[in-house]
Amino acid sequence: MRDESTRLMALLRGQRAAKPPFWEPWFGMTQMLADDYGNDPLRLCDALGLAAWRIGSVSSGLDQRRHVDRDETTGVWYGGGELRDWQEITATPVPDYDAIVANLLPARERYRQAGLACWLVIPWCFHVIATNMGLEQFAMDCYDRPQFIADAMRWVEDRTALAIERVVCQVQPDFVLYDGDCAYKTGPMLHPDMLRDFVFEPTLANTHRLRQLGVPVTFHCDGKLDDVIPILIDLGIAAVHGCEKQANDLAELVAKFGDQIVLCGNMDVVFMKSATVEQVRQVTRQMLQIGSRKHRYAAATNTSPLDYIPRPNYREMAHTIANFAPAA
């Protein structure tokens, strides 16, 4: 396995790495990938020094969402899903996991031969139910119909358990990423105690099973993480991505949680859109210096980098990460 992938996997297995690897969970610069690298992720990873690449996702099959969007400035979802009753959930067919495995195995083998780590995305129960219902209805039902919400969360994680046995066991990704947006820029979408009550027990069974399989579990969440990370640590999550700069002080996160969980991200994509190359270089160096203080950090943007980011800026960030010399 190549050096950057080895360093990332060492972090996810509880070790420390003085030099932060570069891992981009939501790379979305599709035009850059097409124009500059012939739509070949391996060429992009080689050029930018990325430590891992996503090969796909496995889901519950539940998708009743309608016109649900997210305001990137405020982090607030708007619009709303139409999921309302238990019958809609239980009528959801089981995905064709055999077909998913057949599609994923060639990609897994290609990245393995290239020495590059790879991962699968698993949508988390909170994110699935909240977006399928629409956040306003979901928030009201957390108080008006808490048993329905609890049952719905458990249903998603039960379906995830099936996906783990049918897909993860066969494909053997290096790690998985729970897609788990559950916070605004000011804090969790629910009170931390309520959030824990709904998600902890059903999620724990799956994170425990994945760890039994030797598959580290990572987690993505935008927004402020102070009240989210303790839940993730108790779930045995190896790393949390996002560390959104507009909502978190990276130095504080490192001080509070840097010995207990790998922190990933913090580069603001909105800043990168309008910054100069020199500004990107300076801010990247500052991020690396702060994030690596406890040697449990992976560099990344804090959400999905899209093609509105000037390519020289993105390449400068990658170059600065690759050439970062950690303090002795």
Protein backbone atom coordinates (compact mmCIF):
# COMPACT_ATOMS: atom_id res chain seq x y z
CA MET A 1 0.00 0.00 0.00
CA ARG A 2 1.33 3.44 -0.94
CA ASP A 3 2.68 5.68 1.83
CA GLU A 4 -0.25 8.09 2.06
CA SER A 5 -2.72 5.19 2.21
CA THR A 6 -0.64 3.45 4.86
CA ARG A 7 -0.64 6.60 6.98
CA LEU A 8 -4.41 7.00 6.67
CA MET A 9 -5.09 3.38 7.60
CA ALA A 10 -2.69 3.64 10.55
CA LEU A 11 -4.72 6.58 11.85
CA LEU A 12 -8.00 4.72 11.42
CA ARG A 13 -6.58 1.78 13.37
CA GLY A 14 -5.75 3.94 16.36
CA GLN A 15 -2.13 4.81 15.62
CA ARG A 16 -0.57 8.22 15.08
CA ALA A 17 0.95 9.76 11.98
CA ALA A 18 3.15 12.85 12.20
CA LYS A 19 2.51 13.76 8.56
CA PRO A 20 -1.23 14.10 7.82
CA PRO A 21 -2.52 12.10 4.85
CA PHE A 22 -4.82 13.77 2.32
CA TRP A 23 -8.31 12.18 2.20
CA GLU A 24 -11.19 13.84 0.36
CA PRO A 25 -14.48 12.04 1.15
CA TRP A 26 -16.70 14.09 -1.17
CA PHE A 27 -14.48 15.06 -4.11
CA GLY A 28 -16.86 16.62 -6.64
CA MET A 29 -14.66 18.41 -9.17
CA THR A 30 -15.96 16.23 -11.97
CA GLN A 31 -14.94 18.57 -14.78
CA MET A 32 -11.40 18.72 -13.44
CA LEU A 33 -11.34 14.93 -13.22
CA ALA A 34 -12.54 14.65 -16.82
CA ASP A 35 -10.38 17.38 -18.36
CA ASP A 36 -7.11 16.79 -16.55
CA TYR A 37 -7.16 13.09 -15.66
CA GLY A 38 -9.32 11.42 -18.30
CA ASN A 39 -11.98 10.50 -15.72
CA ASP A 40 -9.49 8.15 -14.10
CA PRO A 41 -9.49 8.54 -10.30
CA LEU A 42 -6.19 6.70 -10.01
CA ARG A 43 -4.46 9.34 -12.13
CA LEU A 44 -6.01 12.07 -9.99
CA CYS A 45 -4.99 10.36 -6.75
CA ASP A 46 -1.43 9.94 -8.06
CA ALA A 47 -1.21 13.60 -9.08
CA LEU A 48 -2.72 15.06 -5.90
CA GLY A 49 -1.45 12.55 -3.35
CA LEU A 50 -4.89 11.41 -2.22
CA ALA A 51 -4.80 8.51 0.22
CA ALA A 52 -8.09 6.81 -0.70
CA TRP A 53 -10.96 6.79 -3.15
CA ARG A 54 -14.64 5.96 -2.78
CA ILE A 55 -15.78 2.93 -4.77
CA GLY A 56 -19.50 3.21 -4.07
CA SER A 57 -22.22 3.06 -1.47
CA VAL A 58 -24.72 0.71 0.08
CA SER A 59 -28.09 1.95 1.29
CA SER A 60 -31.30 0.81 2.88
CA GLY A 61 -33.21 1.42 -0.34
CA LEU A 62 -35.45 3.93 1.41
CA ASP A 63 -35.78 7.04 -0.71
CA GLN A 64 -39.00 8.99 -0.39
CA ARG A 65 -37.28 12.35 -0.58
CA ARG A 66 -38.77 15.23 -2.53
CA HIS A 67 -37.11 18.57 -3.33
CA VAL A 68 -34.79 18.49 -0.32
CA ASP A 69 -31.86 20.89 -0.70
CA ARG A 70 -29.24 22.38 1.57
CA ASP A 71 -28.26 26.03 1.82
CA GLU A 72 -24.44 25.90 1.88
CA THR A 73 -24.28 29.33 3.52
CA THR A 74 -26.44 28.47 6.52
CA GLY A 75 -26.19 24.68 6.52
CA VAL A 76 -30.00 24.50 6.74
CA TRP A 77 -32.04 22.00 4.72
CA TYR A 78 -35.15 23.29 3.01
CA GLY A 79 -37.93 21.68 1.04
CA GLY A 80 -39.11 18.40 2.46
CA GLY A 81 -39.44 14.68 2.02
CA GLU A 82 -42.80 12.99 2.02
CA LEU A 83 -42.18 9.97 4.22
CA ARG A 84 -44.90 9.87 6.86
CA ASP A 85 -45.93 6.36 7.89
CA TRP A 86 -44.53 3.00 8.86
CA GLN A 87 -46.04 1.18 5.88
CA GLU A 88 -43.96 3.28 3.49
CA ILE A 89 -40.85 2.13 5.32
CA THR A 90 -41.67 -1.56 5.53
CA ALA A 91 -42.73 -1.66 1.89
CA THR A 92 -39.22 -0.68 0.81
CA PRO A 93 -37.73 -3.54 -1.21
CA VAL A 94 -34.33 -4.95 -0.35
CA PRO A 95 -31.73 -3.61 -2.78
CA ASP A 96 -30.13 -6.05 -5.19
CA TYR A 97 -27.03 -6.53 -3.10
CA ASP A 98 -25.63 -9.23 -5.39
CA ALA A 99 -25.62 -6.76 -8.29
CA ILE A 100 -24.01 -4.12 -6.08
CA VAL A 101 -21.25 -6.56 -5.11
CA ALA A 102 -20.67 -7.48 -8.75
CA ASN A 103 -20.21 -3.79 -9.60
CA LEU A 104 -17.97 -3.03 -6.65
CA LEU A 105 -15.54 -5.95 -6.77
CA PRO A 106 -13.69 -4.92 -9.96
CA ALA A 107 -13.19 -1.40 -8.61
CA ARG A 108 -12.00 -2.78 -5.28
CA GLU A 109 -9.49 -5.01 -7.03
CA ARG A 110 -8.21 -2.17 -9.22
CA TYR A 111 -7.51 0.08 -6.24
CA ARG A 112 -6.00 -2.77 -4.27
CA GLN A 113 -3.58 -3.54 -7.13
CA ALA A 114 -2.65 0.15 -7.23
CA GLY A 115 -1.96 0.21 -3.48
CA LEU A 116 -4.68 2.78 -2.84
CA ALA A 117 -7.09 2.51 0.08
CA CYS A 118 -10.80 2.62 -0.74
CA TRP A 119 -14.08 2.94 1.12
CA LEU A 120 -17.84 2.50 0.90
CA VAL A 121 -20.44 5.04 2.00
CA ILE A 122 -23.25 3.93 4.34
CA PRO A 123 -26.09 6.45 4.88
CA TRP A 124 -26.67 6.83 8.65
CA CYS A 125 -30.12 6.30 10.13
CA PHE A 126 -30.51 9.91 11.30
CA HIS A 127 -29.65 11.37 7.91
CA VAL A 128 -31.85 8.87 6.05
CA ILE A 129 -34.98 9.45 8.13
CA ALA A 130 -34.56 13.22 8.54
CA THR A 131 -34.09 13.84 4.83
CA ASN A 132 -36.80 11.41 3.79
CA MET A 133 -39.30 13.09 6.09
CA GLY A 134 -38.16 16.67 5.61
CA LEU A 135 -36.51 18.35 8.55
CA GLU A 136 -39.53 20.31 9.79
CA GLN A 137 -41.81 17.27 9.92
CA PHE A 138 -39.01 15.17 11.36
CA ALA A 139 -38.40 17.67 14.17
CA MET A 140 -42.08 17.77 15.10
CA ASP A 141 -42.39 13.98 15.07
CA CYS A 142 -39.40 13.64 17.37
CA TYR A 143 -41.71 15.12 20.00
CA ASP A 144 -45.15 14.05 18.73
CA ARG A 145 -44.27 10.52 17.56
CA PRO A 146 -40.98 9.55 19.19
CA GLN A 147 -41.68 5.82 18.93
CA PHE A 148 -42.17 6.12 15.18
CA ILE A 149 -38.85 7.95 14.87
CA ALA A 150 -37.09 5.37 17.04
CA ASP A 151 -38.57 2.48 15.05
CA ALA A 152 -37.63 4.15 11.77
CA MET A 153 -34.03 4.65 12.91
CA ARG A 154 -33.79 1.02 13.95
CA TRP A 155 -35.26 -0.13 10.64
CA VAL A 156 -32.54 1.71 8.73
CA GLU A 157 -29.78 0.24 10.87
CA ASP A 158 -31.33 -3.24 10.56
CA ARG A 159 -31.20 -2.83 6.79
CA THR A 160 -27.62 -1.59 7.12
CA ALA A 161 -26.80 -4.75 9.08
CA LEU A 162 -28.02 -6.76 6.11
CA ALA A 163 -25.91 -4.65 3.75
CA ILE A 164 -22.86 -5.25 5.93
CA GLU A 165 -23.31 -9.01 5.70
CA ARG A 166 -24.25 -9.07 2.01
CA VAL A 167 -21.92 -6.37 0.65
CA VAL A 168 -19.19 -5.28 3.05
CA CYS A 169 -18.18 -8.85 3.89
CA GLN A 170 -17.86 -9.64 0.19
CA VAL A 171 -16.21 -6.45 -1.06
CA GLN A 172 -13.88 -5.96 1.92
CA PRO A 173 -13.30 -2.20 1.63
CA ASP A 174 -10.48 -0.77 3.69
CA PHE A 175 -13.00 1.28 5.67
CA VAL A 176 -16.54 2.66 5.53
CA LEU A 177 -17.94 6.16 5.87
CA TYR A 178 -21.22 6.79 7.65
CA ASP A 179 -22.89 9.76 5.93
CA GLY A 180 -24.37 11.36 9.00
CA ASP A 181 -25.22 15.06 8.74
CA CYS A 182 -26.94 15.89 12.02
CA ALA A 183 -25.73 19.37 13.00
CA TYR A 184 -26.13 23.03 12.16
CA LYS A 185 -23.39 25.59 12.52
CA THR A 186 -24.57 26.19 16.09
CA GLY A 187 -24.94 22.58 17.25
CA PRO A 188 -26.85 19.32 16.73
CA MET A 189 -30.23 19.36 15.01
CA LEU A 190 -31.61 17.65 18.13
CA HIS A 191 -30.62 18.00 21.75
CA PRO A 192 -27.60 15.69 22.27
CA ASP A 193 -29.53 13.53 24.74
CA MET A 194 -32.42 13.04 22.31
CA LEU A 195 -30.02 12.37 19.44
CA ARG A 196 -28.25 9.73 21.49
CA ASP A 197 -31.55 8.13 22.54
CA PHE A 198 -32.65 7.72 18.92
CA VAL A 199 -29.46 6.61 17.21
CA PHE A 200 -27.02 5.10 19.68
CA GLU A 201 -28.21 1.55 20.29
CA PRO A 202 -29.08 0.58 16.71
CA THR A 203 -25.91 2.19 15.33
CA LEU A 204 -23.66 0.59 17.94
CA ALA A 205 -24.58 -2.91 16.79
CA ASN A 206 -23.36 -2.09 13.29
CA THR A 207 -20.19 -0.23 14.25
CA HIS A 208 -19.34 -3.16 16.53
CA ARG A 209 -19.90 -5.64 13.70
CA LEU A 210 -17.73 -3.62 11.30
CA ARG A 211 -14.92 -3.49 13.83
CA GLN A 212 -15.22 -7.26 14.26
CA LEU A 213 -14.66 -7.52 10.51
CA GLY A 214 -11.57 -5.33 10.78
CA VAL A 215 -13.24 -2.47 8.89
CA PRO A 216 -12.72 0.94 10.55
CA VAL A 217 -15.74 3.24 10.62
CA THR A 218 -15.47 6.92 9.71
CA PHE A 219 -18.19 9.56 9.89
CA HIS A 220 -19.13 12.72 8.04
CA CYS A 221 -21.06 15.60 9.57
CA ASP A 222 -21.19 19.27 8.69
CA GLY A 223 -21.80 21.86 11.39
CA LYS A 224 -20.61 22.26 14.96
CA LEU A 225 -19.24 19.01 16.35
CA ASP A 226 -18.65 19.59 20.09
CA ASP A 227 -21.79 17.69 21.13
CA VAL A 228 -21.64 15.18 18.26
CA ILE A 229 -18.11 13.86 18.70
CA PRO A 230 -18.68 12.37 22.20
CA ILE A 231 -21.45 10.21 20.71
CA LEU A 232 -19.15 9.14 17.88
CA ILE A 233 -16.38 8.22 20.29
CA ASP A 234 -18.77 6.06 22.31
CA LEU A 235 -19.87 4.38 19.06
CA GLY A 236 -16.27 3.43 18.32
CA ILE A 237 -16.03 5.70 15.28
CA ALA A 238 -12.39 6.01 14.18
CA ALA A 239 -12.54 9.40 12.44
CA VAL A 240 -14.87 12.32 11.86
CA HIS A 241 -14.76 14.38 8.69
CA GLY A 242 -15.90 17.92 8.24
CA CYS A 243 -14.61 20.02 11.13
CA GLU A 244 -16.35 22.83 9.25
CA LYS A 245 -14.30 25.98 9.67
CA GLN A 246 -17.29 28.32 9.92
CA ALA A 247 -18.67 26.26 12.80
CA ASN A 248 -15.62 24.88 14.63
CA ASP A 249 -12.28 26.04 15.98
CA LEU A 250 -9.90 23.28 14.85
CA ALA A 251 -7.47 24.02 17.67
CA GLU A 252 -10.25 23.51 20.22
CA LEU A 253 -11.34 20.24 18.60
CA VAL A 254 -7.77 18.97 18.65
CA ALA A 255 -7.35 19.97 22.29
CA LYS A 256 -10.64 18.37 23.39
CA PHE A 257 -10.85 15.28 21.18
CA GLY A 258 -7.55 14.81 19.36
CA ASP A 259 -6.46 11.86 21.51
CA GLN A 260 -9.77 10.01 21.10
CA ILE A 261 -10.74 10.32 17.44
CA VAL A 262 -9.07 11.23 14.16
CA LEU A 263 -10.12 14.68 12.97
CA CYS A 264 -10.40 15.25 9.21
CA GLY A 265 -10.97 18.39 7.18
CA ASN A 266 -11.40 22.11 7.98
CA MET A 267 -10.38 23.73 4.67
CA ASP A 268 -13.25 26.05 3.70
CA VAL A 269 -14.34 25.50 0.09
CA VAL A 270 -16.01 28.93 -0.03
CA PHE A 271 -12.70 30.52 0.92
CA MET A 272 -10.93 28.51 -1.77
CA LYS A 273 -13.32 29.84 -4.40
CA SER A 274 -12.06 33.42 -4.14
CA ALA A 275 -8.65 33.17 -2.44
CA THR A 276 -5.32 33.68 -4.11
CA VAL A 277 -2.91 30.78 -4.51
CA GLU A 278 -0.67 32.30 -1.84
CA GLN A 279 -3.61 32.63 0.57
CA VAL A 280 -4.51 28.97 0.00
CA ARG A 281 -0.90 27.99 0.72
CA GLN A 282 -0.81 29.96 3.96
CA VAL A 283 -4.18 28.75 5.25
CA THR A 284 -3.36 25.13 4.35
CA ARG A 285 -0.09 25.31 6.29
CA GLN A 286 -1.90 26.77 9.29
CA MET A 287 -4.54 24.02 9.12
CA LEU A 288 -1.85 21.31 8.97
CA GLN A 289 0.12 22.79 11.85
CA ILE A 290 -2.96 22.97 14.07
CA GLY A 291 -4.54 19.69 13.02
CA SER A 292 -1.37 17.63 13.42
CA ARG A 293 -0.56 18.75 16.97
CA LYS A 294 -1.54 15.32 18.33
CA HIS A 295 -0.63 13.40 15.17
CA ARG A 296 -4.20 12.19 14.66
CA TYR A 297 -5.33 14.30 11.74
CA ALA A 298 -6.15 13.87 8.04
CA ALA A 299 -6.19 16.88 5.73
CA ALA A 300 -9.26 17.63 3.61
CA THR A 301 -11.78 20.27 2.69
CA ASN A 302 -14.69 20.50 5.12
CA THR A 303 -17.35 19.45 2.62
CA SER A 304 -17.52 18.67 -1.12
CA PRO A 305 -15.04 20.55 -3.34
CA LEU A 306 -16.84 21.38 -6.58
CA ASP A 307 -15.74 22.81 -9.90
CA TYR A 308 -16.31 26.40 -8.81
CA ILE A 309 -12.97 26.13 -6.99
CA PRO A 310 -10.13 27.36 -9.24
CA ARG A 311 -7.96 24.40 -10.13
CA PRO A 312 -4.69 26.16 -9.24
CA ASN A 313 -6.09 26.74 -5.74
CA TYR A 314 -7.04 23.12 -5.26
CA ARG A 315 -3.71 21.91 -6.58
CA GLU A 316 -1.89 24.31 -4.28
CA MET A 317 -3.71 22.88 -1.28
CA ALA A 318 -2.76 19.34 -2.37
CA HIS A 319 0.86 20.38 -3.03
CA THR A 320 1.14 22.05 0.38
CA ILE A 321 -0.24 18.94 2.09
CA ALA A 322 2.18 16.69 0.21
CA ASN A 323 5.17 18.85 1.12
CA PHE A 324 4.24 19.62 4.71
CA ALA A 325 7.08 18.98 7.13
CA PRO A 326 5.66 18.31 10.62
CA ALA A 327 7.39 19.79 13.63
CA ALA A 328 9.84 17.46 15.31
